[in-house]
Amino acid sequence: MGSNKEYLEYVLEQLSDLDDITYRAMMGEYIIYYRGKIIGGIYDDRFLVKPVKSAMALIPDAKMELPYVGAKEMILIEDIENREFLKELIESMHDELPAPRKRKK
């Protein structure tokens, strides 16, 4: 289906308290990065993040959803209005996320 650019802009605005949030368009969806590491993305107008331990601890009753067929489940962020919580969540996840892979030339 693909995600709406307006929803992406809304999520980016909610994350604007964080430094170094970037995104990349990928097949109609958007991958979200924090300090160069993938934290999750926008899939079918849903903000999903990787289910690392710190995220699961902050959202113990997390609703898990598939970003697309064949992918691993990710955490659906339902409380998108709460900027303080989003900042705490994303900052807590950073150290657990893998470093970006080096691209082959």
N, C-alpha and C. Protein backbone atom coordinates (compact mmCIF):
# COMPACT_ATOMS: atom_id res chain seq x y z
N MET A 1 0.83 -1.20 0.00
CA MET A 1 0.00 0.00 0.00
C MET A 1 0.87 1.25 0.00
N GLY A 2 1.87 1.32 0.85
CA GLY A 2 2.71 2.51 0.90
C GLY A 2 2.23 3.49 1.96
N SER A 3 3.14 4.31 2.40
CA SER A 3 2.83 5.28 3.45
C SER A 3 2.70 6.68 2.88
N ASN A 4 1.91 7.46 3.56
CA ASN A 4 1.63 8.84 3.19
C ASN A 4 2.77 9.74 3.67
N LYS A 5 3.26 10.61 2.82
CA LYS A 5 4.36 11.52 3.18
C LYS A 5 3.95 12.43 4.34
N GLU A 6 2.68 12.79 4.43
CA GLU A 6 2.21 13.63 5.54
C GLU A 6 2.35 12.91 6.88
N TYR A 7 2.10 11.60 6.89
CA TYR A 7 2.27 10.85 8.14
C TYR A 7 3.75 10.81 8.53
N LEU A 8 4.62 10.62 7.56
CA LEU A 8 6.06 10.67 7.83
C LEU A 8 6.43 12.01 8.45
N GLU A 9 5.97 13.11 7.88
CA GLU A 9 6.28 14.44 8.39
C GLU A 9 5.75 14.62 9.82
N TYR A 10 4.58 14.06 10.10
CA TYR A 10 4.01 14.12 11.44
C TYR A 10 4.90 13.38 12.44
N VAL A 11 5.32 12.16 12.09
CA VAL A 11 6.19 11.38 12.97
C VAL A 11 7.51 12.11 13.18
N LEU A 12 8.09 12.65 12.12
CA LEU A 12 9.35 13.39 12.25
C LEU A 12 9.18 14.59 13.17
N GLU A 13 8.04 15.25 13.10
CA GLU A 13 7.78 16.39 13.99
C GLU A 13 7.72 15.91 15.44
N GLN A 14 7.08 14.76 15.68
CA GLN A 14 6.99 14.21 17.04
C GLN A 14 8.37 13.81 17.56
N LEU A 15 9.30 13.49 16.67
CA LEU A 15 10.65 13.09 17.06
C LEU A 15 11.64 14.26 17.02
N SER A 16 11.15 15.46 16.80
CA SER A 16 12.03 16.62 16.59
C SER A 16 12.81 17.04 17.83
N ASP A 17 12.50 16.51 19.00
CA ASP A 17 13.29 16.80 20.20
C ASP A 17 14.62 16.04 20.20
N LEU A 18 14.75 15.08 19.30
CA LEU A 18 15.97 14.28 19.19
C LEU A 18 16.87 14.87 18.10
N ASP A 19 18.17 14.86 18.36
CA ASP A 19 19.13 15.28 17.34
C ASP A 19 19.41 14.11 16.40
N ASP A 20 19.68 14.42 15.16
CA ASP A 20 20.17 13.44 14.19
C ASP A 20 19.15 12.35 13.85
N ILE A 21 17.89 12.73 13.66
CA ILE A 21 16.88 11.81 13.12
C ILE A 21 16.87 12.02 11.62
N THR A 22 17.02 10.93 10.88
CA THR A 22 16.96 11.00 9.42
C THR A 22 16.05 9.88 8.92
N TYR A 23 15.77 9.91 7.64
CA TYR A 23 14.95 8.84 7.05
C TYR A 23 15.39 8.59 5.63
N ARG A 24 14.97 7.43 5.12
CA ARG A 24 15.23 7.08 3.73
C ARG A 24 13.97 6.42 3.18
N ALA A 25 13.56 6.88 2.02
CA ALA A 25 12.40 6.27 1.36
C ALA A 25 12.83 4.92 0.79
N MET A 26 11.96 3.92 0.99
CA MET A 26 12.28 2.58 0.51
C MET A 26 11.00 1.88 0.08
N MET A 27 10.80 1.78 -1.21
CA MET A 27 9.65 1.07 -1.80
C MET A 27 8.31 1.54 -1.23
N GLY A 28 8.10 2.83 -1.14
CA GLY A 28 6.83 3.38 -0.67
C GLY A 28 6.72 3.50 0.83
N GLU A 29 7.74 3.07 1.55
CA GLU A 29 7.76 3.16 3.00
C GLU A 29 8.97 4.02 3.39
N TYR A 30 9.18 4.21 4.70
CA TYR A 30 10.28 5.06 5.15
C TYR A 30 11.01 4.39 6.31
N ILE A 31 12.33 4.28 6.17
CA ILE A 31 13.18 3.76 7.23
C ILE A 31 13.63 4.95 8.08
N ILE A 32 13.52 4.85 9.40
CA ILE A 32 13.88 5.94 10.31
C ILE A 32 15.19 5.60 11.00
N TYR A 33 16.11 6.57 11.02
CA TYR A 33 17.43 6.40 11.62
C TYR A 33 17.60 7.38 12.78
N TYR A 34 18.31 6.94 13.80
CA TYR A 34 18.72 7.82 14.90
C TYR A 34 20.22 7.66 15.05
N ARG A 35 20.93 8.76 14.86
CA ARG A 35 22.40 8.75 14.91
C ARG A 35 22.99 7.66 14.02
N GLY A 36 22.41 7.50 12.85
CA GLY A 36 22.94 6.57 11.86
C GLY A 36 22.49 5.13 11.99
N LYS A 37 21.74 4.80 13.05
CA LYS A 37 21.26 3.44 13.25
C LYS A 37 19.77 3.36 12.97
N ILE A 38 19.36 2.26 12.35
CA ILE A 38 17.94 2.06 12.05
C ILE A 38 17.19 1.77 13.35
N ILE A 39 16.19 2.59 13.64
CA ILE A 39 15.36 2.35 14.83
C ILE A 39 14.03 1.70 14.47
N GLY A 40 13.61 1.89 13.23
CA GLY A 40 12.33 1.36 12.78
C GLY A 40 11.93 2.03 11.49
N GLY A 41 10.63 2.24 11.34
CA GLY A 41 10.17 2.88 10.11
C GLY A 41 8.68 3.14 10.11
N ILE A 42 8.27 3.73 9.01
CA ILE A 42 6.85 4.00 8.75
C ILE A 42 6.41 2.98 7.71
N TYR A 43 5.46 2.13 8.08
CA TYR A 43 4.96 1.09 7.20
C TYR A 43 3.43 1.17 7.18
N ASP A 44 2.86 1.38 6.01
CA ASP A 44 1.41 1.51 5.88
C ASP A 44 0.84 2.48 6.91
N ASP A 45 1.51 3.64 7.03
CA ASP A 45 1.11 4.70 7.97
C ASP A 45 1.03 4.22 9.42
N ARG A 46 1.99 3.37 9.79
CA ARG A 46 2.17 2.93 11.18
C ARG A 46 3.63 3.16 11.53
N PHE A 47 3.89 3.69 12.72
CA PHE A 47 5.26 3.86 13.19
C PHE A 47 5.64 2.63 13.99
N LEU A 48 6.60 1.86 13.46
CA LEU A 48 7.05 0.62 14.09
C LEU A 48 8.52 0.75 14.44
N VAL A 49 8.91 0.22 15.61
CA VAL A 49 10.31 0.23 16.02
C VAL A 49 10.78 -1.19 16.30
N LYS A 50 12.10 -1.36 16.28
CA LYS A 50 12.69 -2.67 16.53
C LYS A 50 12.43 -3.10 17.98
N PRO A 51 12.17 -4.38 18.19
CA PRO A 51 11.84 -4.88 19.54
C PRO A 51 13.09 -5.22 20.36
N VAL A 52 13.92 -4.22 20.64
CA VAL A 52 15.10 -4.45 21.48
C VAL A 52 14.66 -4.46 22.94
N LYS A 53 15.53 -4.97 23.82
CA LYS A 53 15.18 -5.15 25.23
C LYS A 53 14.68 -3.86 25.89
N SER A 54 15.38 -2.76 25.65
CA SER A 54 14.97 -1.50 26.31
C SER A 54 13.59 -1.05 25.85
N ALA A 55 13.27 -1.24 24.59
CA ALA A 55 11.95 -0.87 24.08
C ALA A 55 10.87 -1.76 24.70
N MET A 56 11.16 -3.05 24.80
CA MET A 56 10.20 -3.98 25.40
C MET A 56 10.00 -3.67 26.89
N ALA A 57 11.06 -3.21 27.56
CA ALA A 57 10.94 -2.85 28.98
C ALA A 57 10.07 -1.61 29.16
N LEU A 58 10.19 -0.65 28.24
CA LEU A 58 9.40 0.58 28.34
C LEU A 58 7.95 0.38 27.90
N ILE A 59 7.73 -0.62 27.05
CA ILE A 59 6.38 -0.91 26.56
C ILE A 59 6.11 -2.40 26.78
N PRO A 60 5.91 -2.80 28.04
CA PRO A 60 5.76 -4.23 28.33
C PRO A 60 4.55 -4.89 27.66
N ASP A 61 3.53 -4.11 27.38
CA ASP A 61 2.33 -4.66 26.73
C ASP A 61 2.29 -4.25 25.25
N ALA A 62 3.47 -4.19 24.65
CA ALA A 62 3.60 -3.72 23.27
C ALA A 62 2.78 -4.57 22.31
N LYS A 63 2.16 -3.89 21.37
CA LYS A 63 1.45 -4.57 20.30
C LYS A 63 2.46 -4.80 19.17
N MET A 64 2.62 -6.06 18.78
CA MET A 64 3.59 -6.42 17.76
C MET A 64 2.87 -6.56 16.42
N GLU A 65 3.50 -6.00 15.38
CA GLU A 65 2.92 -6.08 14.04
C GLU A 65 4.01 -6.32 13.02
N LEU A 66 3.62 -6.90 11.90
CA LEU A 66 4.54 -7.11 10.80
C LEU A 66 4.59 -5.86 9.93
N PRO A 67 5.79 -5.37 9.63
CA PRO A 67 5.87 -4.20 8.75
C PRO A 67 5.44 -4.57 7.32
N TYR A 68 5.77 -5.78 6.90
CA TYR A 68 5.40 -6.29 5.58
C TYR A 68 5.52 -7.81 5.64
N VAL A 69 4.94 -8.48 4.67
CA VAL A 69 4.94 -9.94 4.63
C VAL A 69 6.38 -10.45 4.56
N GLY A 70 6.70 -11.39 5.42
CA GLY A 70 8.02 -11.99 5.43
C GLY A 70 9.01 -11.32 6.37
N ALA A 71 8.61 -10.22 7.00
CA ALA A 71 9.50 -9.49 7.92
C ALA A 71 9.30 -9.99 9.34
N LYS A 72 10.24 -9.61 10.21
CA LYS A 72 10.09 -9.90 11.63
C LYS A 72 9.14 -8.88 12.26
N GLU A 73 8.46 -9.31 13.32
CA GLU A 73 7.53 -8.41 14.00
C GLU A 73 8.28 -7.24 14.63
N MET A 74 7.60 -6.11 14.67
CA MET A 74 8.13 -4.90 15.28
C MET A 74 7.08 -4.34 16.22
N ILE A 75 7.50 -3.41 17.08
CA ILE A 75 6.59 -2.80 18.05
C ILE A 75 5.83 -1.66 17.38
N LEU A 76 4.51 -1.71 17.49
CA LEU A 76 3.67 -0.61 17.01
C LEU A 76 3.66 0.48 18.07
N ILE A 77 4.03 1.68 17.68
CA ILE A 77 4.01 2.81 18.60
C ILE A 77 2.64 3.47 18.48
N GLU A 78 1.85 3.27 19.52
CA GLU A 78 0.49 3.81 19.52
C GLU A 78 0.43 5.18 20.17
N ASP A 79 1.32 5.45 21.12
CA ASP A 79 1.32 6.73 21.85
C ASP A 79 2.22 7.74 21.14
N ILE A 80 1.90 8.01 19.90
CA ILE A 80 2.73 8.89 19.06
C ILE A 80 2.63 10.35 19.50
N GLU A 81 1.63 10.69 20.28
CA GLU A 81 1.45 12.07 20.74
C GLU A 81 2.42 12.45 21.86
N ASN A 82 2.94 11.47 22.58
CA ASN A 82 3.76 11.71 23.77
C ASN A 82 5.23 11.87 23.38
N ARG A 83 5.65 13.11 23.12
CA ARG A 83 7.01 13.39 22.66
C ARG A 83 8.07 13.00 23.69
N GLU A 84 7.80 13.25 24.96
CA GLU A 84 8.76 12.88 26.02
C GLU A 84 9.02 11.39 26.02
N PHE A 85 7.95 10.62 25.92
CA PHE A 85 8.09 9.17 25.89
C PHE A 85 8.86 8.72 24.66
N LEU A 86 8.54 9.30 23.51
CA LEU A 86 9.24 8.93 22.28
C LEU A 86 10.74 9.21 22.39
N LYS A 87 11.08 10.34 22.96
CA LYS A 87 12.50 10.70 23.13
C LYS A 87 13.18 9.67 24.03
N GLU A 88 12.56 9.36 25.17
CA GLU A 88 13.13 8.38 26.10
C GLU A 88 13.28 7.02 25.42
N LEU A 89 12.26 6.60 24.68
CA LEU A 89 12.28 5.31 23.99
C LEU A 89 13.42 5.23 23.00
N ILE A 90 13.51 6.20 22.12
CA ILE A 90 14.52 6.17 21.05
C ILE A 90 15.93 6.27 21.63
N GLU A 91 16.13 7.14 22.61
CA GLU A 91 17.46 7.26 23.23
C GLU A 91 17.86 5.97 23.93
N SER A 92 16.91 5.30 24.59
CA SER A 92 17.23 4.06 25.29
C SER A 92 17.57 2.94 24.33
N MET A 93 17.02 2.97 23.12
CA MET A 93 17.24 1.92 22.14
C MET A 93 18.61 2.01 21.47
N HIS A 94 19.16 3.21 21.37
CA HIS A 94 20.33 3.45 20.52
C HIS A 94 21.49 2.49 20.75
N ASP A 95 21.90 2.29 21.99
CA ASP A 95 23.07 1.45 22.26
C ASP A 95 22.85 -0.02 21.92
N GLU A 96 21.61 -0.46 21.90
CA GLU A 96 21.30 -1.86 21.60
C GLU A 96 21.23 -2.15 20.10
N LEU A 97 21.09 -1.12 19.31
CA LEU A 97 20.93 -1.31 17.88
C LEU A 97 22.28 -1.58 17.21
N PRO A 98 22.26 -2.42 16.18
CA PRO A 98 23.52 -2.73 15.50
C PRO A 98 24.04 -1.51 14.72
N ALA A 99 25.37 -1.47 14.61
CA ALA A 99 25.99 -0.39 13.83
C ALA A 99 25.62 -0.60 12.36
N PRO A 100 25.57 0.50 11.61
CA PRO A 100 25.24 0.36 10.18
C PRO A 100 26.29 -0.50 9.46
N ARG A 101 25.81 -1.26 8.50
CA ARG A 101 26.73 -2.07 7.69
C ARG A 101 27.47 -1.18 6.70
N LYS A 102 28.70 -1.57 6.44
CA LYS A 102 29.48 -0.85 5.43
C LYS A 102 28.99 -1.28 4.05
N ARG A 103 28.75 -0.31 3.19
CA ARG A 103 28.31 -0.62 1.83
C ARG A 103 29.51 -1.04 0.97
N LYS A 104 29.28 -2.03 0.12
CA LYS A 104 30.33 -2.44 -0.81
C LYS A 104 30.38 -1.46 -1.96
N LYS A 105 31.59 -1.18 -2.40
CA LYS A 105 31.74 -0.24 -3.53
C LYS A 105 31.84 -0.98 -4.84
